[in-house]
Amino acid sequence: MNKDFIYPDWSIPIPTNIKAIQTTRIGGVSRGEYSSLNLSNKVGDKEQNLNDNLEILLKELPSLPSWPNQIHSNKVRELKKVIQPFEEDDKIIQQNEDYLNCDAVYTFEKKNICAVRTADCLPILLTNKGGDFVAAIHGGWRGLGADIIKNTIDELSNEYKTRSSKSSDMLAWLGPCISSDNYRVDQEVVDYFISNVEDFDSISSTFKPIRSIHDGLKFELSLKSIAFYQLQNQGLLAKNITGNYSDSYPGSGLCTYDQKDKFYSYRRDGVTGRMATLIWME
């Protein structure tokens, strides 16, 4: 086990075949704004640093992650092929195809890693009591506002794809994200949710209006609270939603903005790295 990683404590019994990792910004080789375990090849970090950081991560994994391209959509893709890491001229080759133009991935294949990369957005991991599948969701405001959680659970609940189609048997872990105290958005973001979310009334309380002389009307937005309610709206039991699910409960607060020594934050720093949140079945 890597001392710089977070190994999700689901706080509920989960199948023994389910493994998960949340990286931090600690323990890598990147310098400056990307210090030190940046895992994204799209933020301007040196390629060699990225590859060295990936090598550190790969020591904990059974295969190479399939990274979704994270286009701030509500698109979901199934991963069917386990990707083994290989190198070409000292460069780690990663799958990067149009199929992965999505923001959530799931699989029923053992050792096939579902992963997302974040630096303020909310990473969400899913499995079920039978350990039949795993899924990873990139929960930015656009994706959450376009019902990416619903779309993912609809896919997983398809009777042709899983032995346990009941969402009440599903388990969720929410990873580090920006807290509502540090995340203010405009009216257009609220309007986006109103226009696109299936049941806006159930999450309307997560938008806290704040008015100031300089900025006018803004809203404090809680990504984790939106996800918590949306997961329940799709049939998950509140007791089965764990991790960074609330700003109100001690121990569940993992704020990327406040915890600068531990996490990357795009809103705080602008140019910065990305953490990874990963889940797979042994």
Foldseek 3Di string as FASTA:
>chain_A
DDPQKDWDDLVDDADPQKGKIWGWLPDFPWDDQARGLFQDPPQPTDQVRNQRSVVVVCVVAPADAQEQPCPLALDEEEDEDGHHWDDDPSHTDHDDDPRSPHFKYKYQDFRHKEKYKDQAWKWKWKAFRVRRMIMIGGHDLSNLLQPSVVVVLVVVLPPVHTPDNALQRMAMAIEEHAALVLDKADVVSVVSSVVHPPCVVQCVVQWQWDADPPPGIITRHGSLQSVLSSSVVNPYDSSRYDALRDPPDPPRHRHSQVCVVIHHHCVNPVRYGIIMIMMGGD
